mmCIF file of all heavy atoms, coordinates in Angstrom:
data_MODEL
# 
_entry.id   MODEL 
# 
loop_
_atom_site.group_PDB 
_atom_site.id 
_atom_site.type_symbol 
_atom_site.label_atom_id 
_atom_site.label_alt_id 
_atom_site.label_comp_id 
_atom_site.label_asym_id 
_atom_site.label_entity_id 
_atom_site.label_seq_id 
_atom_site.pdbx_PDB_ins_code 
_atom_site.Cartn_x 
_atom_site.Cartn_y 
_atom_site.Cartn_z 
_atom_site.occupancy 
_atom_site.B_iso_or_equiv 
_atom_site.pdbx_formal_charge 
_atom_site.auth_seq_id 
_atom_site.auth_comp_id 
_atom_site.auth_asym_id 
_atom_site.auth_atom_id 
_atom_site.pdbx_PDB_model_num 
ATOM 1   N N   . VAL A 1 1  ? 69.554  -20.155 -51.742 1.00 0.00 ? 1  VAL A N   1 
ATOM 2   C CA  . VAL A 1 1  ? 68.275  -20.484 -52.372 1.00 0.00 ? 1  VAL A CA  1 
ATOM 3   C C   . VAL A 1 1  ? 67.181  -20.430 -51.282 1.00 0.00 ? 1  VAL A C   1 
ATOM 4   O O   . VAL A 1 1  ? 67.335  -21.005 -50.202 1.00 0.00 ? 1  VAL A O   1 
ATOM 5   C CB  . VAL A 1 1  ? 68.300  -21.884 -53.015 1.00 0.00 ? 1  VAL A CB  1 
ATOM 6   C CG1 . VAL A 1 1  ? 66.969  -22.225 -53.642 1.00 0.00 ? 1  VAL A CG1 1 
ATOM 7   C CG2 . VAL A 1 1  ? 69.418  -21.963 -54.065 1.00 0.00 ? 1  VAL A CG2 1 
ATOM 8   N N   . MET A 1 2  ? 66.097  -19.745 -51.589 1.00 0.00 ? 2  MET A N   1 
ATOM 9   C CA  . MET A 1 2  ? 64.975  -19.658 -50.666 1.00 0.00 ? 2  MET A CA  1 
ATOM 10  C C   . MET A 1 2  ? 64.170  -20.942 -50.684 1.00 0.00 ? 2  MET A C   1 
ATOM 11  O O   . MET A 1 2  ? 63.877  -21.495 -51.752 1.00 0.00 ? 2  MET A O   1 
ATOM 12  C CB  . MET A 1 2  ? 64.079  -18.484 -51.041 1.00 0.00 ? 2  MET A CB  1 
ATOM 13  C CG  . MET A 1 2  ? 62.919  -18.228 -50.082 1.00 0.00 ? 2  MET A CG  1 
ATOM 14  S SD  . MET A 1 2  ? 63.447  -17.575 -48.488 1.00 0.00 ? 2  MET A SD  1 
ATOM 15  C CE  . MET A 1 2  ? 64.014  -15.947 -48.982 1.00 0.00 ? 2  MET A CE  1 
ATOM 16  N N   . THR A 1 3  ? 63.811  -21.475 -49.524 1.00 0.00 ? 3  THR A N   1 
ATOM 17  C CA  . THR A 1 3  ? 62.966  -22.657 -49.449 1.00 0.00 ? 3  THR A CA  1 
ATOM 18  C C   . THR A 1 3  ? 61.564  -22.311 -49.928 1.00 0.00 ? 3  THR A C   1 
ATOM 19  O O   . THR A 1 3  ? 61.164  -21.152 -49.973 1.00 0.00 ? 3  THR A O   1 
ATOM 20  C CB  . THR A 1 3  ? 62.915  -23.199 -48.006 1.00 0.00 ? 3  THR A CB  1 
ATOM 21  O OG1 . THR A 1 3  ? 62.382  -22.201 -47.151 1.00 0.00 ? 3  THR A OG1 1 
ATOM 22  C CG2 . THR A 1 3  ? 64.304  -23.592 -47.542 1.00 0.00 ? 3  THR A CG2 1 
ATOM 23  N N   . ASP A 1 4  ? 60.790  -23.349 -50.296 1.00 0.00 ? 4  ASP A N   1 
ATOM 24  C CA  . ASP A 1 4  ? 59.480  -23.084 -50.883 1.00 0.00 ? 4  ASP A CA  1 
ATOM 25  C C   . ASP A 1 4  ? 58.491  -22.512 -49.899 1.00 0.00 ? 4  ASP A C   1 
ATOM 26  O O   . ASP A 1 4  ? 57.488  -21.925 -50.294 1.00 0.00 ? 4  ASP A O   1 
ATOM 27  C CB  . ASP A 1 4  ? 58.911  -24.350 -51.529 1.00 0.00 ? 4  ASP A CB  1 
ATOM 28  C CG  . ASP A 1 4  ? 58.961  -25.557 -50.611 1.00 0.00 ? 4  ASP A CG  1 
ATOM 29  O OD1 . ASP A 1 4  ? 59.391  -25.404 -49.456 1.00 0.00 ? 4  ASP A OD1 1 
ATOM 30  O OD2 . ASP A 1 4  ? 58.592  -26.664 -51.053 1.00 0.00 ? 4  ASP A OD2 1 
ATOM 31  N N   . ASP A 1 5  ? 58.752  -22.623 -48.587 1.00 0.00 ? 5  ASP A N   1 
ATOM 32  C CA  . ASP A 1 5  ? 57.863  -21.968 -47.609 1.00 0.00 ? 5  ASP A CA  1 
ATOM 33  C C   . ASP A 1 5  ? 58.404  -20.582 -47.217 1.00 0.00 ? 5  ASP A C   1 
ATOM 34  O O   . ASP A 1 5  ? 57.826  -19.888 -46.404 1.00 0.00 ? 5  ASP A O   1 
ATOM 35  C CB  . ASP A 1 5  ? 57.712  -22.840 -46.360 1.00 0.00 ? 5  ASP A CB  1 
ATOM 36  C CG  . ASP A 1 5  ? 59.022  -23.177 -45.697 1.00 0.00 ? 5  ASP A CG  1 
ATOM 37  O OD1 . ASP A 1 5  ? 60.072  -22.592 -46.098 1.00 0.00 ? 5  ASP A OD1 1 
ATOM 38  O OD2 . ASP A 1 5  ? 59.016  -24.035 -44.800 1.00 0.00 ? 5  ASP A OD2 1 
ATOM 39  N N   . GLU A 1 6  ? 59.552  -20.195 -47.817 1.00 0.00 ? 6  GLU A N   1 
ATOM 40  C CA  . GLU A 1 6  ? 60.159  -18.887 -47.645 1.00 0.00 ? 6  GLU A CA  1 
ATOM 41  C C   . GLU A 1 6  ? 60.495  -18.555 -46.197 1.00 0.00 ? 6  GLU A C   1 
ATOM 42  O O   . GLU A 1 6  ? 60.597  -17.415 -45.805 1.00 0.00 ? 6  GLU A O   1 
ATOM 43  C CB  . GLU A 1 6  ? 59.256  -17.770 -48.217 1.00 0.00 ? 6  GLU A CB  1 
ATOM 44  C CG  . GLU A 1 6  ? 58.998  -17.929 -49.709 1.00 0.00 ? 6  GLU A CG  1 
ATOM 45  C CD  . GLU A 1 6  ? 58.219  -16.757 -50.280 1.00 0.00 ? 6  GLU A CD  1 
ATOM 46  O OE1 . GLU A 1 6  ? 57.800  -15.881 -49.491 1.00 0.00 ? 6  GLU A OE1 1 
ATOM 47  O OE2 . GLU A 1 6  ? 58.039  -16.728 -51.505 1.00 0.00 ? 6  GLU A OE2 1 
ATOM 48  N N   . ASN A 1 7  ? 60.726  -19.605 -45.391 1.00 0.00 ? 7  ASN A N   1 
ATOM 49  C CA  . ASN A 1 7  ? 61.110  -19.388 -44.017 1.00 0.00 ? 7  ASN A CA  1 
ATOM 50  C C   . ASN A 1 7  ? 62.600  -19.202 -43.829 1.00 0.00 ? 7  ASN A C   1 
ATOM 51  O O   . ASN A 1 7  ? 63.048  -18.608 -42.831 1.00 0.00 ? 7  ASN A O   1 
ATOM 52  C CB  . ASN A 1 7  ? 60.636  -20.597 -43.145 1.00 0.00 ? 7  ASN A CB  1 
ATOM 53  C CG  . ASN A 1 7  ? 59.140  -20.568 -42.911 1.00 0.00 ? 7  ASN A CG  1 
ATOM 54  O OD1 . ASN A 1 7  ? 58.534  -19.508 -42.948 1.00 0.00 ? 7  ASN A OD1 1 
ATOM 55  N ND2 . ASN A 1 7  ? 58.560  -21.732 -42.675 1.00 0.00 ? 7  ASN A ND2 1 
ATOM 56  N N   . MET A 1 8  ? 63.387  -19.724 -44.752 1.00 0.00 ? 8  MET A N   1 
ATOM 57  C CA  . MET A 1 8  ? 64.817  -19.612 -44.610 1.00 0.00 ? 8  MET A CA  1 
ATOM 58  C C   . MET A 1 8  ? 65.500  -19.850 -45.956 1.00 0.00 ? 8  MET A C   1 
ATOM 59  O O   . MET A 1 8  ? 64.861  -20.250 -46.922 1.00 0.00 ? 8  MET A O   1 
ATOM 60  C CB  . MET A 1 8  ? 65.340  -20.646 -43.580 1.00 0.00 ? 8  MET A CB  1 
ATOM 61  C CG  . MET A 1 8  ? 65.100  -22.095 -44.005 1.00 0.00 ? 8  MET A CG  1 
ATOM 62  S SD  . MET A 1 8  ? 65.751  -23.277 -42.800 1.00 0.00 ? 8  MET A SD  1 
ATOM 63  C CE  . MET A 1 8  ? 67.505  -22.949 -42.936 1.00 0.00 ? 8  MET A CE  1 
ATOM 64  N N   . THR A 1 9  ? 66.773  -19.552 -46.012 1.00 0.00 ? 9  THR A N   1 
ATOM 65  C CA  . THR A 1 9  ? 67.579  -19.823 -47.206 1.00 0.00 ? 9  THR A CA  1 
ATOM 66  C C   . THR A 1 9  ? 68.521  -20.973 -46.925 1.00 0.00 ? 9  THR A C   1 
ATOM 67  O O   . THR A 1 9  ? 68.970  -21.168 -45.778 1.00 0.00 ? 9  THR A O   1 
ATOM 68  C CB  . THR A 1 9  ? 68.365  -18.587 -47.658 1.00 0.00 ? 9  THR A CB  1 
ATOM 69  O OG1 . THR A 1 9  ? 69.220  -18.189 -46.543 1.00 0.00 ? 9  THR A OG1 1 
ATOM 70  C CG2 . THR A 1 9  ? 67.430  -17.460 -48.017 1.00 0.00 ? 9  THR A CG2 1 
ATOM 71  N N   . VAL A 1 10 ? 68.812  -21.733 -47.951 1.00 0.00 ? 10 VAL A N   1 
ATOM 72  C CA  . VAL A 1 10 ? 69.776  -22.832 -47.848 1.00 0.00 ? 10 VAL A CA  1 
ATOM 73  C C   . VAL A 1 10 ? 70.871  -22.594 -48.887 1.00 0.00 ? 10 VAL A C   1 
ATOM 74  O O   . VAL A 1 10 ? 70.715  -21.828 -49.796 1.00 0.00 ? 10 VAL A O   1 
ATOM 75  C CB  . VAL A 1 10 ? 69.086  -24.191 -48.042 1.00 0.00 ? 10 VAL A CB  1 
ATOM 76  C CG1 . VAL A 1 10 ? 68.076  -24.476 -46.953 1.00 0.00 ? 10 VAL A CG1 1 
ATOM 77  C CG2 . VAL A 1 10 ? 68.404  -24.258 -49.424 1.00 0.00 ? 10 VAL A CG2 1 
ATOM 78  N N   . LYS A 1 11 ? 71.960  -23.321 -48.688 1.00 0.00 ? 11 LYS A N   1 
ATOM 79  C CA  . LYS A 1 11 ? 73.102  -23.178 -49.601 1.00 0.00 ? 11 LYS A CA  1 
ATOM 80  C C   . LYS A 1 11 ? 73.475  -24.549 -50.165 1.00 0.00 ? 11 LYS A C   1 
ATOM 81  O O   . LYS A 1 11 ? 74.382  -25.203 -49.677 1.00 0.00 ? 11 LYS A O   1 
ATOM 82  C CB  . LYS A 1 11 ? 74.293  -22.571 -48.839 1.00 0.00 ? 11 LYS A CB  1 
ATOM 83  C CG  . LYS A 1 11 ? 74.022  -21.157 -48.334 1.00 0.00 ? 11 LYS A CG  1 
ATOM 84  C CD  . LYS A 1 11 ? 75.239  -20.595 -47.593 1.00 0.00 ? 11 LYS A CD  1 
ATOM 85  C CE  . LYS A 1 11 ? 74.986  -19.181 -47.100 1.00 0.00 ? 11 LYS A CE  1 
ATOM 86  N NZ  . LYS A 1 11 ? 76.162  -18.627 -46.391 1.00 0.00 ? 11 LYS A NZ  1 
ATOM 87  N N   . PRO A 1 12 ? 72.775  -24.979 -51.223 1.00 0.00 ? 12 PRO A N   1 
ATOM 88  C CA  . PRO A 1 12 ? 73.104  -26.259 -51.862 1.00 0.00 ? 12 PRO A CA  1 
ATOM 89  C C   . PRO A 1 12 ? 74.491  -26.195 -52.511 1.00 0.00 ? 12 PRO A C   1 
ATOM 90  O O   . PRO A 1 12 ? 74.932  -25.158 -52.999 1.00 0.00 ? 12 PRO A O   1 
ATOM 91  C CB  . PRO A 1 12 ? 71.989  -26.423 -52.904 1.00 0.00 ? 12 PRO A CB  1 
ATOM 92  C CG  . PRO A 1 12 ? 70.931  -25.432 -52.540 1.00 0.00 ? 12 PRO A CG  1 
ATOM 93  C CD  . PRO A 1 12 ? 71.656  -24.309 -51.884 1.00 0.00 ? 12 PRO A CD  1 
ATOM 94  N N   . TYR A 1 13 ? 75.138  -27.352 -52.551 1.00 0.00 ? 13 TYR A N   1 
ATOM 95  C CA  . TYR A 1 13 ? 76.447  -27.414 -53.197 1.00 0.00 ? 13 TYR A CA  1 
ATOM 96  C C   . TYR A 1 13 ? 76.751  -28.848 -53.612 1.00 0.00 ? 13 TYR A C   1 
ATOM 97  O O   . TYR A 1 13 ? 76.124  -29.808 -53.150 1.00 0.00 ? 13 TYR A O   1 
ATOM 98  C CB  . TYR A 1 13 ? 77.550  -26.883 -52.280 1.00 0.00 ? 13 TYR A CB  1 
ATOM 99  C CG  . TYR A 1 13 ? 77.876  -27.791 -51.120 1.00 0.00 ? 13 TYR A CG  1 
ATOM 100 C CD1 . TYR A 1 13 ? 78.905  -28.697 -51.155 1.00 0.00 ? 13 TYR A CD1 1 
ATOM 101 C CD2 . TYR A 1 13 ? 77.099  -27.745 -49.937 1.00 0.00 ? 13 TYR A CD2 1 
ATOM 102 C CE1 . TYR A 1 13 ? 79.215  -29.523 -50.083 1.00 0.00 ? 13 TYR A CE1 1 
ATOM 103 C CE2 . TYR A 1 13 ? 77.388  -28.548 -48.846 1.00 0.00 ? 13 TYR A CE2 1 
ATOM 104 C CZ  . TYR A 1 13 ? 78.458  -29.467 -48.934 1.00 0.00 ? 13 TYR A CZ  1 
ATOM 105 O OH  . TYR A 1 13 ? 78.733  -30.265 -47.880 1.00 0.00 ? 13 TYR A OH  1 
ATOM 106 N N   . GLU A 1 14 ? 77.718  -28.973 -54.499 1.00 0.00 ? 14 GLU A N   1 
ATOM 107 C CA  . GLU A 1 14 ? 78.228  -30.285 -54.927 1.00 0.00 ? 14 GLU A CA  1 
ATOM 108 C C   . GLU A 1 14 ? 79.746  -30.257 -54.842 1.00 0.00 ? 14 GLU A C   1 
ATOM 109 O O   . GLU A 1 14 ? 80.382  -29.223 -55.072 1.00 0.00 ? 14 GLU A O   1 
ATOM 110 C CB  . GLU A 1 14 ? 77.764  -30.622 -56.327 1.00 0.00 ? 14 GLU A CB  1 
ATOM 111 C CG  . GLU A 1 14 ? 76.263  -30.856 -56.450 1.00 0.00 ? 14 GLU A CG  1 
ATOM 112 C CD  . GLU A 1 14 ? 75.817  -31.222 -57.823 1.00 0.00 ? 14 GLU A CD  1 
ATOM 113 O OE1 . GLU A 1 14 ? 76.575  -31.020 -58.802 1.00 0.00 ? 14 GLU A OE1 1 
ATOM 114 O OE2 . GLU A 1 14 ? 74.675  -31.711 -57.955 1.00 0.00 ? 14 GLU A OE2 1 
ATOM 115 N N   . LEU A 1 15 ? 80.317  -31.426 -54.507 1.00 0.00 ? 15 LEU A N   1 
ATOM 116 C CA  . LEU A 1 15 ? 81.750  -31.528 -54.296 1.00 0.00 ? 15 LEU A CA  1 
ATOM 117 C C   . LEU A 1 15 ? 82.264  -32.775 -54.996 1.00 0.00 ? 15 LEU A C   1 
ATOM 118 O O   . LEU A 1 15 ? 81.595  -33.810 -54.980 1.00 0.00 ? 15 LEU A O   1 
ATOM 119 C CB  . LEU A 1 15 ? 82.036  -31.586 -52.792 1.00 0.00 ? 15 LEU A CB  1 
ATOM 120 C CG  . LEU A 1 15 ? 83.488  -31.753 -52.355 1.00 0.00 ? 15 LEU A CG  1 
ATOM 121 C CD1 . LEU A 1 15 ? 84.270  -30.453 -52.619 1.00 0.00 ? 15 LEU A CD1 1 
ATOM 122 C CD2 . LEU A 1 15 ? 83.559  -32.129 -50.870 1.00 0.00 ? 15 LEU A CD2 1 
ATOM 123 N N   . GLY A 1 16 ? 83.422  -32.666 -55.589 1.00 0.00 ? 16 GLY A N   1 
ATOM 124 C CA  . GLY A 1 16 ? 84.045  -33.833 -56.203 1.00 0.00 ? 16 GLY A CA  1 
ATOM 125 C C   . GLY A 1 16 ? 85.548  -33.817 -55.962 1.00 0.00 ? 16 GLY A C   1 
ATOM 126 O O   . GLY A 1 16 ? 86.189  -32.782 -56.088 1.00 0.00 ? 16 GLY A O   1 
ATOM 127 N N   . VAL A 1 17 ? 86.120  -34.948 -55.606 1.00 0.00 ? 17 VAL A N   1 
ATOM 128 C CA  . VAL A 1 17 ? 87.567  -35.075 -55.422 1.00 0.00 ? 17 VAL A CA  1 
ATOM 129 C C   . VAL A 1 17 ? 88.032  -36.344 -56.111 1.00 0.00 ? 17 VAL A C   1 
ATOM 130 O O   . VAL A 1 17 ? 87.351  -37.375 -56.055 1.00 0.00 ? 17 VAL A O   1 
ATOM 131 C CB  . VAL A 1 17 ? 87.958  -35.070 -53.918 1.00 0.00 ? 17 VAL A CB  1 
ATOM 132 C CG1 . VAL A 1 17 ? 87.273  -36.233 -53.191 1.00 0.00 ? 17 VAL A CG1 1 
ATOM 133 C CG2 . VAL A 1 17 ? 89.447  -35.103 -53.741 1.00 0.00 ? 17 VAL A CG2 1 
ATOM 134 N N   . ASP A 1 18 ? 89.143  -36.277 -56.816 1.00 0.00 ? 18 ASP A N   1 
ATOM 135 C CA  . ASP A 1 18 ? 89.620  -37.439 -57.544 1.00 0.00 ? 18 ASP A CA  1 
ATOM 136 C C   . ASP A 1 18 ? 91.144  -37.505 -57.586 1.00 0.00 ? 18 ASP A C   1 
ATOM 137 O O   . ASP A 1 18 ? 91.834  -36.475 -57.421 1.00 0.00 ? 18 ASP A O   1 
ATOM 138 C CB  . ASP A 1 18 ? 89.075  -37.459 -58.992 1.00 0.00 ? 18 ASP A CB  1 
ATOM 139 C CG  . ASP A 1 18 ? 89.239  -36.118 -59.695 1.00 0.00 ? 18 ASP A CG  1 
ATOM 140 O OD1 . ASP A 1 18 ? 90.376  -35.672 -59.797 1.00 0.00 ? 18 ASP A OD1 1 
ATOM 141 O OD2 . ASP A 1 18 ? 88.215  -35.551 -60.102 1.00 0.00 ? 18 ASP A OD2 1 
ATOM 142 N N   . VAL A 1 19 ? 91.657  -38.700 -57.740 1.00 0.00 ? 19 VAL A N   1 
ATOM 143 C CA  . VAL A 1 19 ? 93.100  -38.932 -57.886 1.00 0.00 ? 19 VAL A CA  1 
ATOM 144 C C   . VAL A 1 19 ? 93.273  -39.851 -59.086 1.00 0.00 ? 19 VAL A C   1 
ATOM 145 O O   . VAL A 1 19 ? 92.389  -40.678 -59.424 1.00 0.00 ? 19 VAL A O   1 
ATOM 146 C CB  . VAL A 1 19 ? 93.718  -39.582 -56.646 1.00 0.00 ? 19 VAL A CB  1 
ATOM 147 C CG1 . VAL A 1 19 ? 93.661  -38.611 -55.459 1.00 0.00 ? 19 VAL A CG1 1 
ATOM 148 C CG2 . VAL A 1 19 ? 93.009  -40.888 -56.272 1.00 0.00 ? 19 VAL A CG2 1 
ATOM 149 N N   . ALA A 1 20 ? 94.403  -39.725 -59.768 1.00 0.00 ? 20 ALA A N   1 
ATOM 150 C CA  . ALA A 1 20 ? 94.657  -40.532 -60.970 1.00 0.00 ? 20 ALA A CA  1 
ATOM 151 C C   . ALA A 1 20 ? 96.117  -40.979 -61.018 1.00 0.00 ? 20 ALA A C   1 
ATOM 152 O O   . ALA A 1 20 ? 97.000  -40.299 -60.492 1.00 0.00 ? 20 ALA A O   1 
ATOM 153 C CB  . ALA A 1 20 ? 94.303  -39.747 -62.235 1.00 0.00 ? 20 ALA A CB  1 
ATOM 154 N N   . TYR A 1 21 ? 96.318  -42.091 -61.657 1.00 0.00 ? 21 TYR A N   1 
ATOM 155 C CA  . TYR A 1 21 ? 97.670  -42.602 -61.922 1.00 0.00 ? 21 TYR A CA  1 
ATOM 156 C C   . TYR A 1 21 ? 97.792  -42.809 -63.424 1.00 0.00 ? 21 TYR A C   1 
ATOM 157 O O   . TYR A 1 21 ? 96.922  -43.437 -64.042 1.00 0.00 ? 21 TYR A O   1 
ATOM 158 C CB  . TYR A 1 21 ? 97.927  -43.906 -61.205 1.00 0.00 ? 21 TYR A CB  1 
ATOM 159 C CG  . TYR A 1 21 ? 99.211  -44.597 -61.635 1.00 0.00 ? 21 TYR A CG  1 
ATOM 160 C CD1 . TYR A 1 21 ? 100.448 -44.137 -61.167 1.00 0.00 ? 21 TYR A CD1 1 
ATOM 161 C CD2 . TYR A 1 21 ? 99.209  -45.683 -62.509 1.00 0.00 ? 21 TYR A CD2 1 
ATOM 162 C CE1 . TYR A 1 21 ? 101.626 -44.747 -61.547 1.00 0.00 ? 21 TYR A CE1 1 
ATOM 163 C CE2 . TYR A 1 21 ? 100.377 -46.281 -62.908 1.00 0.00 ? 21 TYR A CE2 1 
ATOM 164 C CZ  . TYR A 1 21 ? 101.580 -45.815 -62.422 1.00 0.00 ? 21 TYR A CZ  1 
ATOM 165 O OH  . TYR A 1 21 ? 102.760 -46.423 -62.819 1.00 0.00 ? 21 TYR A OH  1 
ATOM 166 N N   . SER A 1 22 ? 98.826  -42.240 -64.021 1.00 0.00 ? 22 SER A N   1 
ATOM 167 C CA  . SER A 1 22 ? 99.042  -42.368 -65.451 1.00 0.00 ? 22 SER A CA  1 
ATOM 168 C C   . SER A 1 22 ? 100.436 -42.899 -65.730 1.00 0.00 ? 22 SER A C   1 
ATOM 169 O O   . SER A 1 22 ? 101.390 -42.611 -64.957 1.00 0.00 ? 22 SER A O   1 
ATOM 170 C CB  . SER A 1 22 ? 98.832  -41.001 -66.151 1.00 0.00 ? 22 SER A CB  1 
ATOM 171 O OG  . SER A 1 22 ? 99.618  -40.002 -65.531 1.00 0.00 ? 22 SER A OG  1 
ATOM 172 N N   . ARG A 1 23 ? 100.564 -43.632 -66.828 1.00 0.00 ? 23 ARG A N   1 
ATOM 173 C CA  . ARG A 1 23 ? 101.870 -44.218 -67.159 1.00 0.00 ? 23 ARG A CA  1 
ATOM 174 C C   . ARG A 1 23 ? 102.072 -44.253 -68.674 1.00 0.00 ? 23 ARG A C   1 
ATOM 175 O O   . ARG A 1 23 ? 101.132 -44.569 -69.437 1.00 0.00 ? 23 ARG A O   1 
ATOM 176 C CB  . ARG A 1 23 ? 101.989 -45.635 -66.619 1.00 0.00 ? 23 ARG A CB  1 
ATOM 177 C CG  . ARG A 1 23 ? 103.345 -46.294 -66.834 1.00 0.00 ? 23 ARG A CG  1 
ATOM 178 C CD  . ARG A 1 23 ? 103.459 -47.640 -66.190 1.00 0.00 ? 23 ARG A CD  1 
ATOM 179 N NE  . ARG A 1 23 ? 104.775 -48.213 -66.412 1.00 0.00 ? 23 ARG A NE  1 
ATOM 180 C CZ  . ARG A 1 23 ? 105.840 -47.989 -65.657 1.00 0.00 ? 23 ARG A CZ  1 
ATOM 181 N NH1 . ARG A 1 23 ? 105.726 -47.200 -64.577 1.00 0.00 ? 23 ARG A NH1 1 
ATOM 182 N NH2 . ARG A 1 23 ? 107.007 -48.552 -65.929 1.00 0.00 ? 23 ARG A NH2 1 
ATOM 183 N N   . MET A 1 24 ? 103.254 -43.926 -69.118 1.00 0.00 ? 24 MET A N   1 
ATOM 184 C CA  . MET A 1 24 ? 103.626 -44.014 -70.488 1.00 0.00 ? 24 MET A CA  1 
ATOM 185 C C   . MET A 1 24 ? 103.942 -45.476 -70.813 1.00 0.00 ? 24 MET A C   1 
ATOM 186 O O   . MET A 1 24 ? 104.856 -46.070 -70.227 1.00 0.00 ? 24 MET A O   1 
ATOM 187 C CB  . MET A 1 24 ? 104.836 -43.122 -70.795 1.00 0.00 ? 24 MET A CB  1 
ATOM 188 C CG  . MET A 1 24 ? 105.107 -42.913 -72.260 1.00 0.00 ? 24 MET A CG  1 
ATOM 189 S SD  . MET A 1 24 ? 106.582 -41.835 -72.522 1.00 0.00 ? 24 MET A SD  1 
ATOM 190 C CE  . MET A 1 24 ? 106.000 -40.313 -71.795 1.00 0.00 ? 24 MET A CE  1 
ATOM 191 N N   . LEU A 1 25 ? 103.195 -46.083 -71.735 1.00 0.00 ? 25 LEU A N   1 
ATOM 192 C CA  . LEU A 1 25 ? 103.400 -47.484 -72.092 1.00 0.00 ? 25 LEU A CA  1 
ATOM 193 C C   . LEU A 1 25 ? 104.365 -47.630 -73.258 1.00 0.00 ? 25 LEU A C   1 
ATOM 194 O O   . LEU A 1 25 ? 104.875 -48.737 -73.513 1.00 0.00 ? 25 LEU A O   1 
ATOM 195 C CB  . LEU A 1 25 ? 102.066 -48.118 -72.429 1.00 0.00 ? 25 LEU A CB  1 
ATOM 196 C CG  . LEU A 1 25 ? 101.019 -48.064 -71.293 1.00 0.00 ? 25 LEU A CG  1 
ATOM 197 C CD1 . LEU A 1 25 ? 99.705  -48.699 -71.743 1.00 0.00 ? 25 LEU A CD1 1 
ATOM 198 C CD2 . LEU A 1 25 ? 101.555 -48.725 -70.016 1.00 0.00 ? 25 LEU A CD2 1 
ATOM 199 N N   . SER A 1 26 ? 104.565 -46.571 -74.014 1.00 0.00 ? 26 SER A N   1 
ATOM 200 C CA  . SER A 1 26 ? 105.576 -46.550 -75.074 1.00 0.00 ? 26 SER A CA  1 
ATOM 201 C C   . SER A 1 26 ? 105.931 -45.082 -75.300 1.00 0.00 ? 26 SER A C   1 
ATOM 202 O O   . SER A 1 26 ? 105.412 -44.195 -74.590 1.00 0.00 ? 26 SER A O   1 
ATOM 203 C CB  . SER A 1 26 ? 105.020 -47.182 -76.357 1.00 0.00 ? 26 SER A CB  1 
ATOM 204 O OG  . SER A 1 26 ? 104.040 -46.352 -76.976 1.00 0.00 ? 26 SER A OG  1 
ATOM 205 N N   . GLU A 1 27 ? 106.782 -44.802 -76.257 1.00 0.00 ? 27 GLU A N   1 
ATOM 206 C CA  . GLU A 1 27 ? 107.175 -43.426 -76.520 1.00 0.00 ? 27 GLU A CA  1 
ATOM 207 C C   . GLU A 1 27 ? 105.997 -42.605 -77.078 1.00 0.00 ? 27 GLU A C   1 
ATOM 208 O O   . GLU A 1 27 ? 106.054 -41.366 -77.037 1.00 0.00 ? 27 GLU A O   1 
ATOM 209 C CB  . GLU A 1 27 ? 108.321 -43.379 -77.513 1.00 0.00 ? 27 GLU A CB  1 
ATOM 210 C CG  . GLU A 1 27 ? 109.622 -43.946 -76.978 1.00 0.00 ? 27 GLU A CG  1 
ATOM 211 C CD  . GLU A 1 27 ? 110.749 -43.832 -77.984 1.00 0.00 ? 27 GLU A CD  1 
ATOM 212 O OE1 . GLU A 1 27 ? 110.478 -43.454 -79.156 1.00 0.00 ? 27 GLU A OE1 1 
ATOM 213 O OE2 . GLU A 1 27 ? 111.899 -44.130 -77.623 1.00 0.00 ? 27 GLU A OE2 1 
ATOM 214 N N   . LYS A 1 28 ? 104.957 -43.289 -77.549 1.00 0.00 ? 28 LYS A N   1 
ATOM 215 C CA  . LYS A 1 28 ? 103.859 -42.591 -78.190 1.00 0.00 ? 28 LYS A CA  1 
ATOM 216 C C   . LYS A 1 28 ? 102.507 -42.784 -77.514 1.00 0.00 ? 28 LYS A C   1 
ATOM 217 O O   . LYS A 1 28 ? 101.518 -42.143 -77.875 1.00 0.00 ? 28 LYS A O   1 
ATOM 218 C CB  . LYS A 1 28 ? 103.709 -43.028 -79.662 1.00 0.00 ? 28 LYS A CB  1 
ATOM 219 C CG  . LYS A 1 28 ? 104.974 -42.849 -80.475 1.00 0.00 ? 28 LYS A CG  1 
ATOM 220 C CD  . LYS A 1 28 ? 104.820 -43.424 -81.872 1.00 0.00 ? 28 LYS A CD  1 
ATOM 221 C CE  . LYS A 1 28 ? 106.080 -43.276 -82.683 1.00 0.00 ? 28 LYS A CE  1 
ATOM 222 N NZ  . LYS A 1 28 ? 105.958 -43.869 -84.048 1.00 0.00 ? 28 LYS A NZ  1 
ATOM 223 N N   . PHE A 1 29 ? 102.427 -43.668 -76.545 1.00 0.00 ? 29 PHE A N   1 
ATOM 224 C CA  . PHE A 1 29 ? 101.129 -44.055 -75.983 1.00 0.00 ? 29 PHE A CA  1 
ATOM 225 C C   . PHE A 1 29 ? 101.192 -44.109 -74.472 1.00 0.00 ? 29 PHE A C   1 
ATOM 226 O O   . PHE A 1 29 ? 102.157 -44.580 -73.872 1.00 0.00 ? 29 PHE A O   1 
ATOM 227 C CB  . PHE A 1 29 ? 100.710 -45.427 -76.540 1.00 0.00 ? 29 PHE A CB  1 
ATOM 228 C CG  . PHE A 1 29 ? 99.355  -45.863 -76.125 1.00 0.00 ? 29 PHE A CG  1 
ATOM 229 C CD1 . PHE A 1 29 ? 98.218  -45.337 -76.736 1.00 0.00 ? 29 PHE A CD1 1 
ATOM 230 C CD2 . PHE A 1 29 ? 99.178  -46.796 -75.101 1.00 0.00 ? 29 PHE A CD2 1 
ATOM 231 C CE1 . PHE A 1 29 ? 96.948  -45.754 -76.354 1.00 0.00 ? 29 PHE A CE1 1 
ATOM 232 C CE2 . PHE A 1 29 ? 97.934  -47.216 -74.706 1.00 0.00 ? 29 PHE A CE2 1 
ATOM 233 C CZ  . PHE A 1 29 ? 96.804  -46.684 -75.343 1.00 0.00 ? 29 PHE A CZ  1 
ATOM 234 N N   . SER A 1 30 ? 100.112 -43.633 -73.815 1.00 0.00 ? 30 SER A N   1 
ATOM 235 C CA  . SER A 1 30 ? 100.003 -43.663 -72.363 1.00 0.00 ? 30 SER A CA  1 
ATOM 236 C C   . SER A 1 30 ? 98.572  -44.014 -71.981 1.00 0.00 ? 30 SER A C   1 
ATOM 237 O O   . SER A 1 30 ? 97.624  -43.879 -72.771 1.00 0.00 ? 30 SER A O   1 
ATOM 238 C CB  . SER A 1 30 ? 100.400 -42.335 -71.742 1.00 0.00 ? 30 SER A CB  1 
ATOM 239 O OG  . SER A 1 30 ? 99.550  -41.288 -72.196 1.00 0.00 ? 30 SER A OG  1 
# 
């Protein structure tokens, strides 16, 4: 992306990292 003064370009980005734990509480539900 060009900066508004057009002197240089930048590379904006977004990052996400996640972990989860899941468990079956019955034969039909988790």
